[in-house]
Protein backbone atom coordinates (compact mmCIF):
# COMPACT_ATOMS: atom_id res chain seq x y z
CA UNK A 1 -62.58 83.51 24.41
CA UNK A 2 -61.63 81.14 27.21
CA UNK A 3 -65.19 80.97 28.50
CA UNK A 4 -66.77 80.41 25.06
CA UNK A 5 -64.46 77.49 24.18
CA UNK A 6 -65.02 75.88 27.59
CA UNK A 7 -68.79 76.41 27.37
CA UNK A 8 -68.90 74.94 23.86
CA UNK A 9 -66.87 71.87 24.87
CA UNK A 10 -69.03 71.31 27.95
CA UNK A 11 -72.32 71.61 26.05
CA UNK A 12 -71.18 69.30 23.24
CA UNK A 13 -70.07 66.63 25.68
CA UNK A 14 -73.23 66.96 27.77
CA UNK A 15 -75.42 66.60 24.68
CA UNK A 16 -73.52 63.50 23.55
CA UNK A 17 -73.98 61.82 26.93
CA UNK A 18 -77.66 62.65 27.44
CA UNK A 19 -80.46 60.16 27.02
CA UNK A 20 -83.94 61.51 27.54
CA UNK A 21 -85.10 58.60 29.71
CA UNK A 22 -84.37 55.23 31.27
CA UNK A 23 -86.81 52.55 30.07
CA UNK A 24 -88.17 50.48 32.98
CA UNK A 25 -90.51 48.20 30.99
CA UNK A 26 -90.08 46.11 28.98
CA UNK A 27 -86.83 44.74 30.43
CA UNK A 28 -84.52 41.95 29.28
CA UNK A 29 -86.59 39.16 30.90
CA UNK A 30 -89.87 40.40 29.36
CA UNK A 31 -91.80 38.13 26.98
CA UNK A 32 -94.73 39.62 25.10
CA UNK A 33 -97.06 37.70 22.79
CA UNK A 34 -97.99 38.99 19.34
CA UNK A 35 -101.62 40.16 19.25
CA UNK A 36 -101.68 41.24 22.91
CA UNK A 37 -103.46 44.50 23.76
CA UNK A 38 -102.70 47.07 26.48
CA UNK A 39 -99.09 46.15 27.24
CA UNK A 40 -97.26 48.76 29.31
CA UNK A 41 -94.15 50.62 28.21
CA UNK A 42 -92.77 52.69 31.10
CA UNK A 43 -89.81 54.99 31.64
CA UNK A 44 -88.20 57.44 34.02
CA UNK A 45 -87.16 60.78 32.49
CA UNK A 46 -83.50 61.74 33.01
CA UNK A 47 -84.22 65.40 32.36
CA UNK A 48 -87.26 67.53 31.53
CA UNK A 49 -88.63 66.63 28.10
CA UNK A 50 -89.21 69.78 26.10
CA UNK A 51 -90.95 68.29 23.04
CA UNK A 52 -94.73 68.54 22.80
CA UNK A 53 -94.83 64.74 22.33
CA UNK A 54 -92.40 61.96 21.57
CA UNK A 55 -92.63 58.67 19.70
CA UNK A 56 -92.63 55.18 21.21
CA UNK A 57 -91.36 52.76 18.54
CA UNK A 58 -90.70 49.02 18.23
CA UNK A 59 -87.46 47.90 16.52
CA UNK A 60 -85.73 44.61 15.79
CA UNK A 61 -82.48 43.44 14.27
CA UNK A 62 -78.77 43.84 14.74
CA UNK A 63 -78.02 46.65 17.24
CA UNK A 64 -75.97 48.52 14.64
CA UNK A 65 -78.71 48.31 11.97
CA UNK A 66 -82.11 48.32 13.69
CA UNK A 67 -85.27 48.06 11.61
CA UNK A 68 -88.42 49.98 12.57
CA UNK A 69 -91.24 47.46 13.02
CA UNK A 70 -94.05 49.65 14.34
CA UNK A 71 -94.85 53.09 15.72
CA UNK A 72 -96.56 52.16 19.00
CA UNK A 73 -97.80 55.65 19.80
CA UNK A 74 -97.02 59.18 20.94
CA UNK A 75 -96.65 60.26 24.56
CA UNK A 76 -96.98 63.74 26.06
CA UNK A 77 -93.87 65.13 27.83
CA UNK A 78 -95.33 64.53 31.30
CA UNK A 79 -96.14 60.84 30.68
CA UNK A 80 -94.15 58.00 32.22
CA UNK A 81 -96.14 55.10 30.74
CA UNK A 82 -97.98 54.23 27.55
CA UNK A 83 -100.32 51.30 26.87
CA UNK A 84 -99.49 49.68 23.52
CA UNK A 85 -100.96 46.99 21.28
CA UNK A 86 -98.76 44.43 19.53
CA UNK A 87 -99.69 43.34 16.00
CA UNK A 88 -100.86 39.71 15.84
CA UNK A 89 -98.79 39.12 12.67
CA UNK A 90 -95.39 39.86 14.27
CA UNK A 91 -92.96 36.95 13.97
CA UNK A 92 -91.24 35.56 17.06
CA UNK A 93 -88.03 37.55 17.47
CA UNK A 94 -85.96 39.80 19.76
CA UNK A 95 -87.19 43.40 19.87
CA UNK A 96 -86.29 46.72 21.50
CA UNK A 97 -88.35 49.81 22.30
CA UNK A 98 -87.08 53.29 21.37
CA UNK A 99 -88.46 56.31 23.18
CA UNK A 100 -87.98 59.84 21.90
CA UNK A 101 -85.29 58.98 19.39
CA UNK A 102 -82.42 58.37 21.82
CA UNK A 103 -83.45 55.90 24.55
CA UNK A 104 -83.59 52.14 23.93
CA UNK A 105 -84.84 49.28 26.08
CA UNK A 106 -82.99 46.03 26.57
CA UNK A 107 -83.79 43.43 23.94
CA UNK A 108 -86.84 41.38 24.94
CA UNK A 109 -88.76 38.52 23.35
CA UNK A 110 -92.03 38.69 21.46
CA UNK A 111 -93.47 35.23 20.87
CA UNK A 112 -95.61 34.75 17.77
CA UNK A 113 -99.41 34.52 18.12
CA UNK A 114 -99.07 30.74 17.72
CA UNK A 115 -96.68 30.58 20.69
CA UNK A 116 -93.38 30.17 18.84
CA UNK A 117 -90.43 31.71 20.70
CA UNK A 118 -87.53 33.63 19.11
CA UNK A 119 -84.77 31.48 17.65
CA UNK A 120 -81.13 32.28 18.26
CA UNK A 121 -79.40 34.30 20.95
CA UNK A 122 -80.36 37.77 22.12
CA UNK A 123 -78.59 40.40 19.97
CA UNK A 124 -75.60 41.96 21.73
CA UNK A 125 -74.61 45.60 21.24
CA UNK A 126 -71.12 46.11 19.79
CA UNK A 127 -68.17 46.37 22.19
CA UNK A 128 -67.00 49.78 23.34
CA UNK A 129 -64.85 51.60 20.83
CA UNK A 130 -62.51 54.56 21.04
CA UNK A 131 -64.00 57.85 19.94
CA UNK A 132 -62.14 61.14 19.41
CA UNK A 133 -63.51 64.16 21.23
CA UNK A 134 -63.51 67.35 19.15
CA UNK A 135 -61.08 69.21 21.40
CA UNK A 136 -57.46 69.58 20.30
CA UNK A 137 -54.85 70.44 22.88
CA UNK A 138 -51.12 70.22 23.37
CA UNK A 139 -51.49 69.38 27.07
CA UNK A 140 -53.69 66.39 27.89
CA UNK A 141 -55.04 65.50 31.31
CA UNK A 142 -55.23 61.73 31.78
CA UNK A 143 -57.72 60.28 34.22
CA UNK A 144 -58.24 56.61 35.05
CA UNK A 145 -60.80 54.95 37.26
CA UNK A 146 -59.41 51.88 38.98
CA UNK A 147 -60.73 48.75 40.60
CA UNK A 148 -59.52 47.38 43.94
CA UNK A 149 -56.78 45.54 42.02
CA UNK A 150 -55.44 48.83 40.60
CA UNK A 151 -56.47 47.81 37.08
CA UNK A 152 -57.55 50.74 34.89
CA UNK A 153 -61.18 50.42 33.81
CA UNK A 154 -61.39 53.59 31.74
CA UNK A 155 -59.08 56.35 30.63
CA UNK A 156 -58.84 59.56 28.68
CA UNK A 157 -55.75 59.95 26.53
CA UNK A 158 -54.46 61.71 23.44
CA UNK A 159 -54.72 59.72 20.21
CA UNK A 160 -52.36 59.96 17.23
CA UNK A 161 -53.88 63.29 16.13
CA UNK A 162 -53.42 64.69 19.66
CA UNK A 163 -57.20 64.66 20.24
CA UNK A 164 -58.66 63.40 23.48
CA UNK A 165 -60.23 59.98 23.18
CA UNK A 166 -61.97 57.53 25.49
CA UNK A 167 -63.86 54.29 25.29
CA UNK A 168 -67.60 54.74 24.73
CA UNK A 169 -68.33 53.33 28.19
CA UNK A 170 -66.17 56.07 29.72
CA UNK A 171 -67.96 59.20 28.55
CA UNK A 172 -68.14 60.73 32.05
CA UNK A 173 -64.38 60.36 32.42
CA UNK A 174 -63.92 61.71 28.88
CA UNK A 175 -66.13 64.69 29.64
CA UNK A 176 -64.20 65.55 32.78
CA UNK A 177 -60.88 65.06 30.99
CA UNK A 178 -61.94 67.14 27.98
CA UNK A 179 -63.17 70.03 30.10
CA UNK A 180 -60.01 69.91 32.23
CA UNK A 181 -57.82 69.76 29.12
CA UNK A 182 -59.59 72.71 27.50
CA UNK A 183 -59.33 74.75 30.68
CA UNK A 184 -55.67 73.79 31.09
CA UNK A 185 -54.83 74.60 27.47
CA UNK A 186 -56.36 78.06 27.74
């Protein structure tokens, strides 16, 4: 019983933290022009990709409500780059690339075919929020990473329902705290 609960908690936390790859192009300073052919999207896999192929897609909009603009292609699991073509009718705006359904690039600019640049600031992802981890315990291990000034930068703590919670930017700390709390509680 002890092993199965610990294994389940560890696998759930690992799955929540995993991204299939780190996108290396385009980056935040990239500017593409609508109508351009053979632009390179590149990435570094974080773990072996088990799918037979995965989608490379172009999105735009608010980070919490992205809109699919175009499917740029499919890549085999061993690929690390894909040449893509950008539609000449795309309006100037801020865009992001999604690879494999869970990895996103930084926002980057696509200028219109006439040369117009995006208007307005680059979209900013929402601030970190507190998320409950699905492990309930009566004993909670609290871990905090600190800066040189002894100021906590992340922490794992029990919320009102006595569930472990951590800021989204602190998932590694939350994972360690959750596994330690589950092991301690058993």
